[in-house]
């Protein structure tokens, strides 16, 4: 690898398929790595490959400067380990599921930062949220009410993709937008 890698922050409403799309992208594109987040979510509710910690452990890590980015959402704390800095310096592009609340900070901190916004229809989102079974019906409705959101002002590189159809189609659209100079396609 040569040159600085790019941090790609993936955002979208709950149920849009962020983690599924990210896995498909990393499988289809050599060198595109997934960032493993640290979350205070209970073990039984985990829907992604992450490190689950207690709130106390999270606070200890935060105070020690272990996170490059961190935030709170939906009653949980989320952290992106600082080791992403060395991976980026080695030239690796990294995909990370982020909150829109930290996009501006990520852009200021990481040269070449790109925001990937995934969207889907309300019907698709509702179906996916119900199928994953992590939220009550009222929580599902609350998440759907927040599905349309504004991005922070001043983001430089934003790619918007709909994830309503086939995963392969979504992944191909994202890869073409991220790497227009290559013929990257999901097989």
Protein backbone atom coordinates (compact mmCIF):
# COMPACT_ATOMS: atom_id res chain seq x y z
CA UNK A 1 0.00 0.00 0.00
CA UNK A 2 1.18 3.49 -0.74
CA UNK A 3 -0.18 6.84 0.30
CA UNK A 4 -2.77 7.76 2.85
CA UNK A 5 -5.88 5.62 3.05
CA UNK A 6 -9.37 7.07 3.14
CA UNK A 7 -11.85 6.83 6.02
CA UNK A 8 -15.36 6.24 4.69
CA UNK A 9 -18.10 6.99 7.22
CA UNK A 10 -21.31 5.10 6.51
CA UNK A 11 -24.55 6.65 7.76
CA UNK A 12 -28.23 6.03 7.23
CA UNK A 13 -31.41 5.33 9.11
CA UNK A 14 -31.80 2.26 11.29
CA UNK A 15 -32.57 -0.78 9.16
CA UNK A 16 -31.06 0.58 5.94
CA UNK A 17 -28.47 -2.21 5.90
CA UNK A 18 -25.27 -0.33 6.74
CA UNK A 19 -23.41 -3.33 8.16
CA UNK A 20 -24.62 -5.67 5.41
CA UNK A 21 -23.54 -3.27 2.66
CA UNK A 22 -20.20 -2.67 4.40
CA UNK A 23 -19.49 -6.43 4.56
CA UNK A 24 -20.36 -6.81 0.87
CA UNK A 25 -18.04 -3.94 -0.05
CA UNK A 26 -15.11 -5.30 1.96
CA UNK A 27 -15.56 -8.74 0.39
CA UNK A 28 -15.72 -7.28 -3.13
CA UNK A 29 -12.84 -4.81 -2.91
CA UNK A 30 -9.38 -5.96 -1.78
CA UNK A 31 -7.88 -3.65 0.80
CA UNK A 32 -11.18 -2.08 1.86
CA UNK A 33 -11.34 -2.91 5.55
CA UNK A 34 -14.10 -2.81 8.13
CA UNK A 35 -13.59 -0.92 11.39
CA UNK A 36 -14.68 -2.84 14.49
CA UNK A 37 -16.46 -0.41 16.82
CA UNK A 38 -16.65 -0.52 20.61
CA UNK A 39 -20.25 -0.34 21.86
CA UNK A 40 -21.99 -0.46 25.24
CA UNK A 41 -24.84 -2.50 23.74
CA UNK A 42 -25.90 -5.61 25.64
CA UNK A 43 -24.46 -8.83 24.22
CA UNK A 44 -27.82 -10.30 23.23
CA UNK A 45 -28.70 -7.28 21.09
CA UNK A 46 -25.55 -7.20 18.98
CA UNK A 47 -26.20 -7.09 15.24
CA UNK A 48 -22.65 -6.36 14.09
CA UNK A 49 -19.13 -7.56 14.70
CA UNK A 50 -18.12 -5.22 17.52
CA UNK A 51 -16.47 -5.15 20.92
CA UNK A 52 -19.16 -4.97 23.61
CA UNK A 53 -18.06 -3.28 26.83
CA UNK A 54 -19.69 -1.92 29.97
CA UNK A 55 -20.31 1.81 30.28
CA UNK A 56 -17.57 1.97 32.91
CA UNK A 57 -15.04 0.26 30.60
CA UNK A 58 -16.05 2.58 27.77
CA UNK A 59 -15.48 5.65 29.97
CA UNK A 60 -12.08 4.29 31.06
CA UNK A 61 -11.03 3.77 27.44
CA UNK A 62 -12.34 7.19 26.47
CA UNK A 63 -10.40 8.90 29.25
CA UNK A 64 -7.25 7.01 28.17
CA UNK A 65 -7.61 8.38 24.61
CA UNK A 66 -8.30 4.97 23.09
CA UNK A 67 -10.86 6.32 20.60
CA UNK A 68 -10.28 8.35 17.45
CA UNK A 69 -14.02 9.16 17.45
CA UNK A 70 -16.77 8.55 20.02
CA UNK A 71 -20.41 9.49 20.54
CA UNK A 72 -23.65 8.52 22.25
CA UNK A 73 -26.87 7.51 20.50
CA UNK A 74 -29.95 5.45 21.35
CA UNK A 75 -28.84 5.20 24.99
CA UNK A 76 -25.47 3.60 24.12
CA UNK A 77 -21.89 4.76 23.72
CA UNK A 78 -19.94 4.09 20.53
CA UNK A 79 -16.20 4.36 19.92
CA UNK A 80 -13.89 4.01 16.94
CA UNK A 81 -10.50 2.65 18.09
CA UNK A 82 -7.50 4.88 17.57
CA UNK A 83 -5.67 2.14 15.63
CA UNK A 84 -7.51 3.30 12.51
CA UNK A 85 -4.90 6.07 12.29
CA UNK A 86 -2.08 3.58 11.66
CA UNK A 87 -4.19 1.60 9.18
CA UNK A 88 -4.93 4.78 7.23
CA UNK A 89 -1.23 5.75 7.34
CA UNK A 90 -0.45 2.33 5.81
CA UNK A 91 -2.73 3.23 2.89
CA UNK A 92 -5.81 1.15 3.74
CA UNK A 93 -9.28 2.48 3.00
CA UNK A 94 -11.59 1.89 5.98
CA UNK A 95 -15.37 1.61 6.24
CA UNK A 96 -16.93 2.59 9.55
CA UNK A 97 -20.55 2.86 10.65
CA UNK A 98 -20.79 6.38 12.11
CA UNK A 99 -23.35 8.72 13.61
CA UNK A 100 -24.01 11.86 11.60
CA UNK A 101 -23.16 13.77 14.80
CA UNK A 102 -19.43 12.98 14.33
CA UNK A 103 -19.15 13.45 10.56
CA UNK A 104 -17.79 16.99 10.80
CA UNK A 105 -15.22 15.94 13.38
CA UNK A 106 -14.20 12.95 11.23
CA UNK A 107 -13.78 15.18 8.19
CA UNK A 108 -11.63 17.64 10.17
CA UNK A 109 -9.48 14.85 11.58
CA UNK A 110 -9.02 12.55 8.55
CA UNK A 111 -7.84 13.87 5.16
CA UNK A 112 -9.96 12.57 2.29
CA UNK A 113 -12.84 11.61 4.58
CA UNK A 114 -15.88 10.49 2.60
CA UNK A 115 -19.47 10.13 3.79
CA UNK A 116 -21.57 7.32 2.34
CA UNK A 117 -25.28 7.91 2.95
CA UNK A 118 -27.54 4.87 2.51
CA UNK A 119 -31.30 5.35 2.13
CA UNK A 120 -34.31 3.07 1.67
CA UNK A 121 -38.09 3.42 1.58
CA UNK A 122 -40.09 3.50 4.81
CA UNK A 123 -41.65 0.13 3.97
CA UNK A 124 -38.26 -1.55 3.50
CA UNK A 125 -36.91 0.02 6.69
CA UNK A 126 -39.94 -1.13 8.73
CA UNK A 127 -39.65 -4.67 7.38
CA UNK A 128 -35.91 -4.88 8.15
CA UNK A 129 -36.30 -3.43 11.65
CA UNK A 130 -39.04 -5.91 12.50
CA UNK A 131 -37.06 -8.82 11.06
CA UNK A 132 -33.92 -8.04 13.06
CA UNK A 133 -35.99 -8.20 16.26
CA UNK A 134 -33.91 -5.84 18.42
CA UNK A 135 -36.58 -3.19 19.03
CA UNK A 136 -40.13 -3.10 20.30
CA UNK A 137 -42.86 -1.85 17.95
CA UNK A 138 -42.75 1.60 19.55
CA UNK A 139 -38.94 1.70 19.15
CA UNK A 140 -39.32 0.68 15.49
CA UNK A 141 -41.78 3.54 14.96
CA UNK A 142 -39.41 5.94 16.74
CA UNK A 143 -36.53 4.92 14.49
CA UNK A 144 -38.73 5.30 11.40
CA UNK A 145 -39.70 8.80 12.53
CA UNK A 146 -35.99 9.71 12.43
CA UNK A 147 -35.32 8.16 9.00
CA UNK A 148 -35.14 11.48 7.16
CA UNK A 149 -32.23 13.41 8.55
CA UNK A 150 -30.06 16.29 7.49
CA UNK A 151 -26.32 15.96 7.25
CA UNK A 152 -24.11 18.52 8.96
CA UNK A 153 -23.20 21.52 6.80
CA UNK A 154 -19.78 21.63 5.17
CA UNK A 155 -19.15 17.98 4.35
CA UNK A 156 -16.85 17.78 1.34
CA UNK A 157 -17.37 14.31 -0.12
CA UNK A 158 -20.85 12.80 0.14
CA UNK A 159 -22.09 9.80 -1.82
CA UNK A 160 -25.81 8.96 -1.61
CA UNK A 161 -27.03 5.49 -2.56
CA UNK A 162 -30.45 3.80 -2.22
CA UNK A 163 -30.39 0.32 -0.68
CA UNK A 164 -33.91 -0.82 -1.61
CA UNK A 165 -33.05 -3.62 -4.01
CA UNK A 166 -30.46 -6.32 -4.45
CA UNK A 167 -27.34 -6.09 -2.27
CA UNK A 168 -25.09 -6.66 -5.28
CA UNK A 169 -26.64 -3.69 -7.09
CA UNK A 170 -26.11 -1.43 -4.08
CA UNK A 171 -22.52 -2.60 -3.64
CA UNK A 172 -21.75 -2.05 -7.34
CA UNK A 173 -23.14 1.51 -7.18
CA UNK A 174 -21.09 2.30 -4.08
CA UNK A 175 -17.88 0.84 -5.52
CA UNK A 176 -18.34 2.77 -8.76
CA UNK A 177 -18.80 5.99 -6.76
CA UNK A 178 -15.86 5.33 -4.42
CA UNK A 179 -13.48 4.11 -7.10
CA UNK A 180 -14.57 5.64 -10.42
CA UNK A 181 -11.16 4.93 -11.91
CA UNK A 182 -11.58 1.15 -11.44
CA UNK A 183 -13.98 -1.43 -12.75
CA UNK A 184 -14.83 -2.80 -9.29
CA UNK A 185 -17.92 -4.96 -9.29
CA UNK A 186 -19.47 -7.42 -6.90
CA UNK A 187 -19.58 -10.91 -8.35
